PDB file of N, CA and C in Angstrom:
ATOM      1  N   MET A   1       0.815  -1.396   0.062  1.00  0.00           N
ATOM      2  CA  MET A   1       0.191  -0.209   0.116  1.00  0.00           C
ATOM      3  C   MET A   1       0.971   1.200   0.049  1.00  0.00           C
ATOM      4  N   TYR A   2       0.227   2.307  -0.933  1.00  0.00           N
ATOM      5  CA  TYR A   2       0.998   3.341  -0.748  1.00  0.00           C
ATOM      6  C   TYR A   2       0.377   4.404  -0.366  1.00  0.00           C
ATOM      7  N   TYR A   3       1.244   5.398   0.379  1.00  0.00           N
ATOM      8  CA  TYR A   3       0.845   6.315   1.443  1.00  0.00           C
ATOM      9  C   TYR A   3       0.896   7.481   0.932  1.00  0.00           C
ATOM     10  N   ALA A   4       0.031   8.820   1.116  1.00  0.00           N
ATOM     11  CA  ALA A   4      -0.026  10.153   0.333  1.00  0.00           C
ATOM     12  C   ALA A   4       0.996  10.693   0.967  1.00  0.00           C
ATOM     13  N   VAL A   5       1.978  11.670   0.369  1.00  0.00           N
ATOM     14  CA  VAL A   5       2.874  12.516   1.064  1.00  0.00           C
ATOM     15  C   VAL A   5       2.235  13.829   1.407  1.00  0.00           C
ATOM     16  N   LYS A   6       2.042  14.058   2.816  1.00  0.00           N
ATOM     17  CA  LYS A   6       1.337  15.289   2.759  1.00  0.00           C
ATOM     18  C   LYS A   6       1.936  16.914   3.145  1.00  0.00           C
ATOM     19  N   LYS A   7       3.514  15.973   3.748  1.00  0.00           N
ATOM     20  CA  LYS A   7       3.986  17.533   3.805  1.00  0.00           C
ATOM     21  C   LYS A   7       5.491  17.217   3.428  1.00  0.00           C
ATOM     22  N   VAL A   8       6.025  18.247   2.633  1.00  0.00           N
ATOM     23  CA  VAL A   8       7.330  17.999   2.231  1.00  0.00           C
ATOM     24  C   VAL A   8       8.385  19.285   2.813  1.00  0.00           C
ATOM     25  N   MET A   9       9.167  18.880   3.052  1.00  0.00           N
ATOM     26  CA  MET A   9      10.104  20.265   4.068  1.00  0.00           C
ATOM     27  C   MET A   9      11.635  19.611   3.291  1.00  0.00           C
ATOM     28  N   PRO A  10      12.193  21.100   2.823  1.00  0.00           N
ATOM     29  CA  PRO A  10      13.191  20.935   1.991  1.00  0.00           C
ATOM     30  C   PRO A  10      14.274  21.074   3.293  1.00  0.00           C
ATOM     31  N   GLN A  11      15.485  20.488   3.212  1.00  0.00           N
ATOM     32  CA  GLN A  11      16.702  20.224   4.210  1.00  0.00           C
ATOM     33  C   GLN A  11      18.016  20.461   3.290  1.00  0.00           C
ATOM     34  N   ASP A  12      18.808  20.524   4.358  1.00  0.00           N
ATOM     35  CA  ASP A  12      20.359  20.647   4.082  1.00  0.00           C
ATOM     36  C   ASP A  12      20.847  19.760   2.830  1.00  0.00           C
ATOM     37  N   ASN A  13      21.611  19.699   2.047  1.00  0.00           N
ATOM     38  CA  ASN A  13      22.829  18.910   1.217  1.00  0.00           C
ATOM     39  C   ASN A  13      21.383  18.077   0.143  1.00  0.00           C
ATOM     40  N   PHE A  14      20.600  18.977   0.017  1.00  0.00           N
ATOM     41  CA  PHE A  14      19.341  18.207  -1.248  1.00  0.00           C
ATOM     42  C   PHE A  14      18.578  17.119  -0.748  1.00  0.00           C
ATOM     43  N   PHE A  15      18.427  17.069   0.720  1.00  0.00           N
ATOM     44  CA  PHE A  15      17.563  16.222   1.010  1.00  0.00           C
ATOM     45  C   PHE A  15      16.002  17.027   1.574  1.00  0.00           C
ATOM     46  N   LEU A  16      14.768  16.221   1.206  1.00  0.00           N
ATOM     47  CA  LEU A  16      13.726  16.167   1.730  1.00  0.00           C
ATOM     48  C   LEU A  16      12.967  15.481   2.926  1.00  0.00           C
ATOM     49  N   PHE A  17      12.700  16.174   3.771  1.00  0.00           N
ATOM     50  CA  PHE A  17      11.734  15.750   5.090  1.00  0.00           C
ATOM     51  C   PHE A  17      10.389  15.608   4.710  1.00  0.00           C
ATOM     52  N   LEU A  18       9.933  14.086   4.362  1.00  0.00           N
ATOM     53  CA  LEU A  18       8.486  14.168   4.039  1.00  0.00           C
ATOM     54  C   LEU A  18       7.863  13.310   5.351  1.00  0.00           C
ATOM     55  N   VAL A  19       6.649  13.914   5.169  1.00  0.00           N
ATOM     56  CA  VAL A  19       5.651  13.312   6.054  1.00  0.00           C
ATOM     57  C   VAL A  19       4.365  12.944   5.382  1.00  0.00           C
ATOM     58  N   PHE A  20       3.983  11.764   5.902  1.00  0.00           N
ATOM     59  CA  PHE A  20       2.844  10.638   4.984  1.00  0.00           C
ATOM     60  C   PHE A  20       1.571  10.841   6.147  1.00  0.00           C
ATOM     61  N   GLU A  21       0.474  10.529   4.900  1.00  0.00           N
ATOM     62  CA  GLU A  21      -0.912  10.536   5.583  1.00  0.00           C
ATOM     63  C   GLU A  21      -0.901   9.763   6.584  1.00  0.00           C
ATOM     64  N   ASN A  22      -0.065   8.755   6.658  1.00  0.00           N
ATOM     65  CA  ASN A  22      -0.310   7.779   7.634  1.00  0.00           C
ATOM     66  C   ASN A  22       0.518   7.886   9.184  1.00  0.00           C
ATOM     67  N   GLY A  23       1.410   8.957   9.197  1.00  0.00           N
ATOM     68  CA  GLY A  23       1.918   9.661   9.905  1.00  0.00           C
ATOM     69  C   GLY A  23       3.510   9.237  10.007  1.00  0.00           C
ATOM     70  N   GLU A  24       4.187   8.720   8.860  1.00  0.00           N
ATOM     71  CA  GLU A  24       5.435   8.177   8.637  1.00  0.00           C
ATOM     72  C   GLU A  24       6.060   9.455   8.375  1.00  0.00           C
ATOM     73  N   LYS A  25       7.599   9.636   8.547  1.00  0.00           N
ATOM     74  CA  LYS A  25       7.878  10.618   8.781  1.00  0.00           C
ATOM     75  C   LYS A  25       9.499   9.656   7.921  1.00  0.00           C
ATOM     76  N   ARG A  26      10.004  10.349   6.874  1.00  0.00           N
ATOM     77  CA  ARG A  26      11.219   9.830   6.344  1.00  0.00           C
ATOM     78  C   ARG A  26      12.375  11.103   5.413  1.00  0.00           C
ATOM     79  N   LYS A  27      13.379  11.402   5.722  1.00  0.00           N
ATOM     80  CA  LYS A  27      14.179  11.986   4.806  1.00  0.00           C
ATOM     81  C   LYS A  27      14.410  11.069   3.839  1.00  0.00           C
ATOM     82  N   PHE A  28      14.710  11.951   2.586  1.00  0.00           N
ATOM     83  CA  PHE A  28      14.588  11.373   0.739  1.00  0.00           C
ATOM     84  C   PHE A  28      15.762  12.084   0.260  1.00  0.00           C
ATOM     85  N   ASP A  29      16.915  11.453   0.012  1.00  0.00           N
ATOM     86  CA  ASP A  29      17.629  12.291  -0.774  1.00  0.00           C
ATOM     87  C   ASP A  29      17.839  12.404  -2.365  1.00  0.00           C
ATOM     88  N   MET A  30      17.757  13.948  -2.250  1.00  0.00           N
ATOM     89  CA  MET A  30      17.293  14.087  -3.912  1.00  0.00           C
ATOM     90  C   MET A  30      18.561  13.998  -4.760  1.00  0.00           C
ATOM     91  N   LYS A  31      19.687  13.933  -4.460  1.00  0.00           N
ATOM     92  CA  LYS A  31      21.097  14.310  -5.073  1.00  0.00           C
ATOM     93  C   LYS A  31      20.903  13.058  -6.474  1.00  0.00           C
ATOM     94  N   PRO A  32      20.925  12.065  -5.794  1.00  0.00           N
ATOM     95  CA  PRO A  32      20.971  11.344  -7.182  1.00  0.00           C
ATOM     96  C   PRO A  32      19.986  11.445  -8.062  1.00  0.00           C
ATOM     97  N   TYR A  33      19.141  11.921  -8.005  1.00  0.00           N
ATOM     98  CA  TYR A  33      18.109  12.719  -9.487  1.00  0.00           C
ATOM     99  C   TYR A  33      18.421  13.824  -9.642  1.00  0.00           C
ATOM    100  N   LEU A  34      19.436  14.589  -9.359  1.00  0.00           N
ATOM    101  CA  LEU A  34      19.398  16.212  -9.696  1.00  0.00           C
ATOM    102  C   LEU A  34      19.692  16.058 -10.920  1.00  0.00           C
ATOM    103  N   GLY A  35      20.699  15.398 -11.935  1.00  0.00           N
ATOM    104  CA  GLY A  35      20.958  15.328 -13.290  1.00  0.00           C
ATOM    105  C   GLY A  35      20.049  14.677 -14.173  1.00  0.00           C
ATOM    106  N   LEU A  36      18.804  14.285 -13.866  1.00  0.00           N
ATOM    107  CA  LEU A  36      17.803  13.873 -14.669  1.00  0.00           C
ATOM    108  C   LEU A  36      16.685  14.545 -14.935  1.00  0.00           C
ATOM    109  N   GLY A  37      16.663  14.806 -16.187  1.00  0.00           N
ATOM    110  CA  GLY A  37      15.029  15.555 -16.561  1.00  0.00           C
ATOM    111  C   GLY A  37      15.187  16.626 -16.155  1.00  0.00           C
ATOM    112  N   ILE A  38      13.517  16.879 -15.758  1.00  0.00           N
ATOM    113  CA  ILE A  38      13.313  17.913 -14.899  1.00  0.00           C
ATOM    114  C   ILE A  38      13.605  18.297 -13.431  1.00  0.00           C
ATOM    115  N   PHE A  39      14.486  17.149 -12.966  1.00  0.00           N
ATOM    116  CA  PHE A  39      14.789  17.399 -11.641  1.00  0.00           C
ATOM    117  C   PHE A  39      16.157  18.256 -11.644  1.00  0.00           C
ATOM    118  N   LYS A  40      16.531  18.708 -12.870  1.00  0.00           N
ATOM    119  CA  LYS A  40      17.876  19.638 -13.128  1.00  0.00           C
ATOM    120  C   LYS A  40      17.870  20.579 -12.678  1.00  0.00           C
ATOM    121  N   GLU A  41      16.609  20.943 -12.951  1.00  0.00           N
ATOM    122  CA  GLU A  41      16.235  22.762 -12.243  1.00  0.00           C
ATOM    123  C   GLU A  41      16.471  22.886 -10.606  1.00  0.00           C
ATOM    124  N   LEU A  42      16.331  21.601  -9.966  1.00  0.00           N
ATOM    125  CA  LEU A  42      16.490  21.588  -8.471  1.00  0.00           C
ATOM    126  C   LEU A  42      17.741  21.705  -8.112  1.00  0.00           C
ATOM    127  N   ASN A  43      19.011  21.897  -9.100  1.00  0.00           N
ATOM    128  CA  ASN A  43      20.384  21.982  -8.716  1.00  0.00           C
ATOM    129  C   ASN A  43      20.745  23.195  -8.243  1.00  0.00           C
ATOM    130  N   ASP A  44      19.697  24.228  -8.455  1.00  0.00           N
ATOM    131  CA  ASP A  44      19.697  25.457  -8.012  1.00  0.00           C
ATOM    132  C   ASP A  44      18.734  25.661  -6.387  1.00  0.00           C
ATOM    133  N   LEU A  45      19.564  26.126  -5.664  1.00  0.00           N
ATOM    134  CA  LEU A  45      18.925  25.997  -4.065  1.00  0.00           C
ATOM    135  C   LEU A  45      18.022  26.755  -4.252  1.00  0.00           C
ATOM    136  N   ASN A  46      17.895  28.109  -4.656  1.00  0.00           N
ATOM    137  CA  ASN A  46      16.292  28.836  -4.609  1.00  0.00           C
ATOM    138  C   ASN A  46      15.293  28.291  -4.930  1.00  0.00           C
ATOM    139  N   VAL A  47      15.362  27.432  -6.096  1.00  0.00           N
ATOM    140  CA  VAL A  47      14.637  26.540  -6.792  1.00  0.00           C
ATOM    141  C   VAL A  47      14.178  25.481  -5.754  1.00  0.00           C
ATOM    142  N   PHE A  48      15.311  24.530  -5.425  1.00  0.00           N
ATOM    143  CA  PHE A  48      14.769  23.382  -4.538  1.00  0.00           C
ATOM    144  C   PHE A  48      14.185  23.939  -3.415  1.00  0.00           C
ATOM    145  N   ASN A  49      14.004  25.235  -2.258  1.00  0.00           N
ATOM    146  CA  ASN A  49      13.712  25.785  -1.275  1.00  0.00           C
ATOM    147  C   ASN A  49      12.617  25.926  -1.592  1.00  0.00           C
TER     148      ASN A  49
END
């Protein structure tokens, strides 16, 4: 089962802090995706934040 993301908060070093609808909290590392497609725009910290 997949839970919806309810909240996303940018963190240092291109991490995202995610809160899911079931209350679970996780850190997600975006660095591996920053060179791919639309995610390239997130290399700019102003856009990422």
